[in-house]
Every structure is written in C-alpha cells, then in structure tokens.
Amino acid sequence: MPETAPKVVLPPIPAKRYFTIGEVSELCGVKPHVLRYWEQEFTQLKPVKRRGNRRYYQHHEVLLIRRIRELLYEQGFTISGARNRLDDAAQAVEAPPETVVEKQVEHPSAASTYPQLDVGLLRSELREVLDLLRAH
C-alpha cells in the first residue's frame, strides 16, 4: 500500500467573501501554479476572473481546494480518481427536483434554521464587491 503524506494543519479560513490566488495558496498549502492547473482539471473549481484575469475565489472554492488537496496529497488519489470521488460525492448530496419542491412547500420556515448574519461582516463583504465592481 503506498504511503501518503502526513496530514497538514491548515490555517482557519477568514470570514470574507473573496480571496486572491496568493491568499488561497497560503490557506490551502498549495502553490498558485498548482491552483491554476487544478482549475483545468476540476470543473467545479471556477474562480471569478476580474481585471487583468485576476482570480477571486469564494469560500466554498477554498473548501473545495482543501478537499482536492486532501484527496491528492494525503489520501493518494490520482487527478482522475479525485475528480471521480468529488463527482460521486456531489451526486450523493443532490436531491431530485421533486424532493426539493416538496421540502420547500412543507417547510416554508426552513430559512429560519440558518445562523443569523453578522451585519458588520455583511457590510464589509458588500463594500469589497462594490470596490471590485467600481474597478471595472
């Protein structure tokens, strides 16, 4: 059985909306050129591209990159094996459209189960988005 790399402790992900490729590189322990390569190999990974083709990753993409890193570096999967594992996991989580509609009708107050938003954090995220939009 092949040896896998030891588990690396990664820093916590800050509470913000967008991350540059350099920030994601540090948060995930992966070099920027590897992130760009993974964008070609994993269709789920689609950072927003802005001025000068600068990449801006969202929180869910940082989590996805950490999962890809774990599959490749710690569990020893190949690129295609990791891609298949992610596809299988996505299919297991997805519900048929009829089920989703039924749940929405049966539980109209489901939104109340989400945690309360931090208004200050939301304002700062909106300012970041506004700054990005103004830059264009």
C-alpha atoms as a PDB file:
ATOM      1  CA  MET A   1       0.000   0.000   0.000  1.00  0.00           C
ATOM      2  CA  PRO A   2       1.518   3.396  -0.957  1.00  0.00           C
ATOM      3  CA  GLU A   3       2.413   5.789   1.799  1.00  0.00           C
ATOM      4  CA  THR A   4       0.503   9.031   1.891  1.00  0.00           C
ATOM      5  CA  ALA A   5       1.751  12.395   3.097  1.00  0.00           C
ATOM      6  CA  PRO A   6       1.095  13.261   6.737  1.00  0.00           C
ATOM      7  CA  LYS A   7      -1.941  15.433   7.441  1.00  0.00           C
ATOM      8  CA  VAL A   8      -1.015  19.120   7.388  1.00  0.00           C
ATOM      9  CA  VAL A   9      -2.702  21.593   9.741  1.00  0.00           C
ATOM     10  CA  LEU A  10      -4.047  24.431   7.612  1.00  0.00           C
ATOM     11  CA  PRO A  11      -4.883  27.909   8.941  1.00  0.00           C
ATOM     12  CA  PRO A  12      -8.542  28.854   9.506  1.00  0.00           C
ATOM     13  CA  ILE A  13     -10.344  30.496   6.614  1.00  0.00           C
ATOM     14  CA  PRO A  14     -11.069  34.177   7.355  1.00  0.00           C
ATOM     15  CA  ALA A  15     -14.662  35.393   7.188  1.00  0.00           C
ATOM     16  CA  LYS A  16     -14.602  37.274   3.905  1.00  0.00           C
ATOM     17  CA  ARG A  17     -16.228  36.869   0.516  1.00  0.00           C
ATOM     18  CA  TYR A  18     -13.329  36.818  -1.965  1.00  0.00           C
ATOM     19  CA  PHE A  19      -9.752  35.561  -1.756  1.00  0.00           C
ATOM     20  CA  THR A  20      -6.861  36.200  -4.144  1.00  0.00           C
ATOM     21  CA  ILE A  21      -4.837  33.306  -5.534  1.00  0.00           C
ATOM     22  CA  GLY A  22      -1.993  34.182  -3.151  1.00  0.00           C
ATOM     23  CA  GLU A  23      -4.305  34.048  -0.139  1.00  0.00           C
ATOM     24  CA  VAL A  24      -5.785  30.725  -1.270  1.00  0.00           C
ATOM     25  CA  SER A  25      -2.295  29.391  -1.832  1.00  0.00           C
ATOM     26  CA  GLU A  26      -1.414  30.112   1.798  1.00  0.00           C
ATOM     27  CA  LEU A  27      -4.773  28.927   3.181  1.00  0.00           C
ATOM     28  CA  CYS A  28      -4.564  25.602   1.318  1.00  0.00           C
ATOM     29  CA  GLY A  29      -0.838  24.888   1.310  1.00  0.00           C
ATOM     30  CA  VAL A  30      -0.696  24.722  -2.496  1.00  0.00           C
ATOM     31  CA  LYS A  31       1.354  26.863  -4.879  1.00  0.00           C
ATOM     32  CA  PRO A  32      -0.506  29.255  -7.228  1.00  0.00           C
ATOM     33  CA  HIS A  33       0.551  27.385 -10.395  1.00  0.00           C
ATOM     34  CA  VAL A  34      -0.983  24.217  -8.953  1.00  0.00           C
ATOM     35  CA  LEU A  35      -4.263  26.068  -8.324  1.00  0.00           C
ATOM     36  CA  ARG A  36      -4.321  27.265 -11.935  1.00  0.00           C
ATOM     37  CA  TYR A  37      -3.689  23.698 -13.119  1.00  0.00           C
ATOM     38  CA  TRP A  38      -6.466  22.338 -10.896  1.00  0.00           C
ATOM     39  CA  GLU A  39      -8.895  24.824 -12.465  1.00  0.00           C
ATOM     40  CA  GLN A  40      -8.355  22.987 -15.753  1.00  0.00           C
ATOM     41  CA  GLU A  41      -8.762  19.535 -14.202  1.00  0.00           C
ATOM     42  CA  PHE A  42     -11.707  20.092 -11.838  1.00  0.00           C
ATOM     43  CA  THR A  43     -14.777  21.652 -13.478  1.00  0.00           C
ATOM     44  CA  GLN A  44     -16.261  22.514 -10.061  1.00  0.00           C
ATOM     45  CA  LEU A  45     -13.434  24.994  -9.494  1.00  0.00           C
ATOM     46  CA  LYS A  46     -14.382  28.270 -11.213  1.00  0.00           C
ATOM     47  CA  PRO A  47     -12.999  31.393  -9.555  1.00  0.00           C
ATOM     48  CA  VAL A  48     -14.363  34.757 -10.628  1.00  0.00           C
ATOM     49  CA  LYS A  49     -11.954  36.455 -13.023  1.00  0.00           C
ATOM     50  CA  ARG A  50     -11.726  40.217 -12.978  1.00  0.00           C
ATOM     51  CA  ARG A  51      -9.432  42.945 -14.280  1.00  0.00           C
ATOM     52  CA  GLY A  52      -6.294  41.546 -15.859  1.00  0.00           C
ATOM     53  CA  ASN A  53      -7.590  37.977 -15.391  1.00  0.00           C
ATOM     54  CA  ARG A  54      -7.090  38.242 -11.621  1.00  0.00           C
ATOM     55  CA  ARG A  55      -8.732  35.322  -9.877  1.00  0.00           C
ATOM     56  CA  TYR A  56     -11.024  35.766  -6.888  1.00  0.00           C
ATOM     57  CA  TYR A  57     -12.007  32.600  -5.056  1.00  0.00           C
ATOM     58  CA  GLN A  58     -15.080  32.316  -2.840  1.00  0.00           C
ATOM     59  CA  HIS A  59     -15.279  30.494   0.491  1.00  0.00           C
ATOM     60  CA  HIS A  60     -16.818  27.336  -0.996  1.00  0.00           C
ATOM     61  CA  GLU A  61     -13.988  27.149  -3.541  1.00  0.00           C
ATOM     62  CA  VAL A  62     -11.361  27.383  -0.800  1.00  0.00           C
ATOM     63  CA  LEU A  63     -13.085  24.446   0.922  1.00  0.00           C
ATOM     64  CA  LEU A  64     -13.144  22.547  -2.385  1.00  0.00           C
ATOM     65  CA  ILE A  65      -9.430  23.181  -2.921  1.00  0.00           C
ATOM     66  CA  ARG A  66      -8.700  21.879   0.579  1.00  0.00           C
ATOM     67  CA  ARG A  67     -10.729  18.743  -0.231  1.00  0.00           C
ATOM     68  CA  ILE A  68      -8.870  18.269  -3.534  1.00  0.00           C
ATOM     69  CA  ARG A  69      -5.557  18.705  -1.724  1.00  0.00           C
ATOM     70  CA  GLU A  70      -6.578  16.121   0.861  1.00  0.00           C
ATOM     71  CA  LEU A  71      -7.601  13.608  -1.804  1.00  0.00           C
ATOM     72  CA  LEU A  72      -4.418  14.059  -3.848  1.00  0.00           C
ATOM     73  CA  TYR A  73      -1.728  14.630  -1.239  1.00  0.00           C
ATOM     74  CA  GLU A  74      -2.990  12.861   1.857  1.00  0.00           C
ATOM     75  CA  GLN A  75      -5.145  10.028   0.514  1.00  0.00           C
ATOM     76  CA  GLY A  76      -3.017   9.337  -2.564  1.00  0.00           C
ATOM     77  CA  PHE A  77      -5.686   9.666  -5.265  1.00  0.00           C
ATOM     78  CA  THR A  78      -4.783  10.427  -8.856  1.00  0.00           C
ATOM     79  CA  ILE A  79      -6.304  13.507 -10.509  1.00  0.00           C
ATOM     80  CA  SER A  80      -8.944  11.399 -12.252  1.00  0.00           C
ATOM     81  CA  GLY A  81      -9.621   9.427  -9.069  1.00  0.00           C
ATOM     82  CA  ALA A  82     -10.081  12.637  -7.072  1.00  0.00           C
ATOM     83  CA  ARG A  83     -12.340  14.037  -9.825  1.00  0.00           C
ATOM     84  CA  ASN A  84     -14.473  10.878  -9.695  1.00  0.00           C
ATOM     85  CA  ARG A  85     -14.635  10.974  -5.899  1.00  0.00           C
ATOM     86  CA  LEU A  86     -15.827  14.606  -5.967  1.00  0.00           C
ATOM     87  CA  ASP A  87     -18.405  13.817  -8.673  1.00  0.00           C
ATOM     88  CA  ASP A  88     -19.699  10.848  -6.647  1.00  0.00           C
ATOM     89  CA  ALA A  89     -19.963  12.979  -3.509  1.00  0.00           C
ATOM     90  CA  ALA A  90     -21.838  15.711  -5.405  1.00  0.00           C
ATOM     91  CA  GLN A  91     -24.327  13.203  -6.821  1.00  0.00           C
ATOM     92  CA  ALA A  92     -24.932  11.702  -3.376  1.00  0.00           C
ATOM     93  CA  VAL A  93     -25.767  15.136  -1.954  1.00  0.00           C
ATOM     94  CA  GLU A  94     -28.033  16.302  -4.784  1.00  0.00           C
ATOM     95  CA  ALA A  95     -31.728  15.633  -4.373  1.00  0.00           C
ATOM     96  CA  PRO A  96     -34.191  15.136  -7.242  1.00  0.00           C
ATOM     97  CA  PRO A  97     -36.027  18.374  -8.180  1.00  0.00           C
ATOM     98  CA  GLU A  98     -39.395  16.989  -6.963  1.00  0.00           C
ATOM     99  CA  THR A  99     -37.971  16.400  -3.490  1.00  0.00           C
ATOM    100  CA  VAL A 100     -36.624  19.933  -3.275  1.00  0.00           C
ATOM    101  CA  VAL A 101     -40.010  21.414  -4.233  1.00  0.00           C
ATOM    102  CA  GLU A 102     -41.807  19.232  -1.695  1.00  0.00           C
ATOM    103  CA  LYS A 103     -39.421  20.281   1.055  1.00  0.00           C
ATOM    104  CA  GLN A 104     -39.908  23.958   0.212  1.00  0.00           C
ATOM    105  CA  VAL A 105     -43.688  23.616   0.336  1.00  0.00           C
ATOM    106  CA  GLU A 106     -43.753  21.501   3.501  1.00  0.00           C
ATOM    107  CA  HIS A 107     -41.220  23.614   5.401  1.00  0.00           C
ATOM    108  CA  PRO A 108     -41.604  27.287   4.459  1.00  0.00           C
ATOM    109  CA  SER A 109     -39.751  28.368   7.610  1.00  0.00           C
ATOM    110  CA  ALA A 110     -36.590  26.413   6.723  1.00  0.00           C
ATOM    111  CA  ALA A 111     -34.729  29.689   6.239  1.00  0.00           C
ATOM    112  CA  SER A 112     -35.035  30.356   9.972  1.00  0.00           C
ATOM    113  CA  THR A 113     -32.716  27.410  10.651  1.00  0.00           C
ATOM    114  CA  TYR A 114     -29.762  29.277   9.125  1.00  0.00           C
ATOM    115  CA  PRO A 115     -27.484  31.151  11.520  1.00  0.00           C
ATOM    116  CA  GLN A 116     -28.005  34.875  11.916  1.00  0.00           C
ATOM    117  CA  LEU A 117     -25.840  37.037   9.662  1.00  0.00           C
ATOM    118  CA  ASP A 118     -23.250  39.344  11.141  1.00  0.00           C
ATOM    119  CA  VAL A 119     -24.331  42.731   9.795  1.00  0.00           C
ATOM    120  CA  GLY A 120     -20.820  44.204  10.089  1.00  0.00           C
ATOM    121  CA  LEU A 121     -19.337  41.311   8.143  1.00  0.00           C
ATOM    122  CA  LEU A 122     -22.056  41.572   5.523  1.00  0.00           C
ATOM    123  CA  ARG A 123     -21.371  45.301   5.102  1.00  0.00           C
ATOM    124  CA  SER A 124     -17.641  44.720   4.673  1.00  0.00           C
ATOM    125  CA  GLU A 125     -18.304  41.986   2.080  1.00  0.00           C
ATOM    126  CA  LEU A 126     -20.664  44.292   0.205  1.00  0.00           C
ATOM    127  CA  ARG A 127     -18.006  47.022   0.234  1.00  0.00           C
ATOM    128  CA  GLU A 128     -15.475  44.561  -1.221  1.00  0.00           C
ATOM    129  CA  VAL A 129     -17.894  43.630  -4.013  1.00  0.00           C
ATOM    130  CA  LEU A 130     -18.663  47.299  -4.669  1.00  0.00           C
ATOM    131  CA  ASP A 131     -14.929  48.076  -4.856  1.00  0.00           C
ATOM    132  CA  LEU A 132     -14.450  45.212  -7.321  1.00  0.00           C
ATOM    133  CA  LEU A 133     -17.317  46.481  -9.462  1.00  0.00           C
ATOM    134  CA  ARG A 134     -16.009  50.041  -9.402  1.00  0.00           C
ATOM    135  CA  ALA A 135     -12.570  48.808 -10.508  1.00  0.00           C
ATOM    136  CA  HIS A 136     -14.089  47.865 -13.870  1.00  0.00           C
END
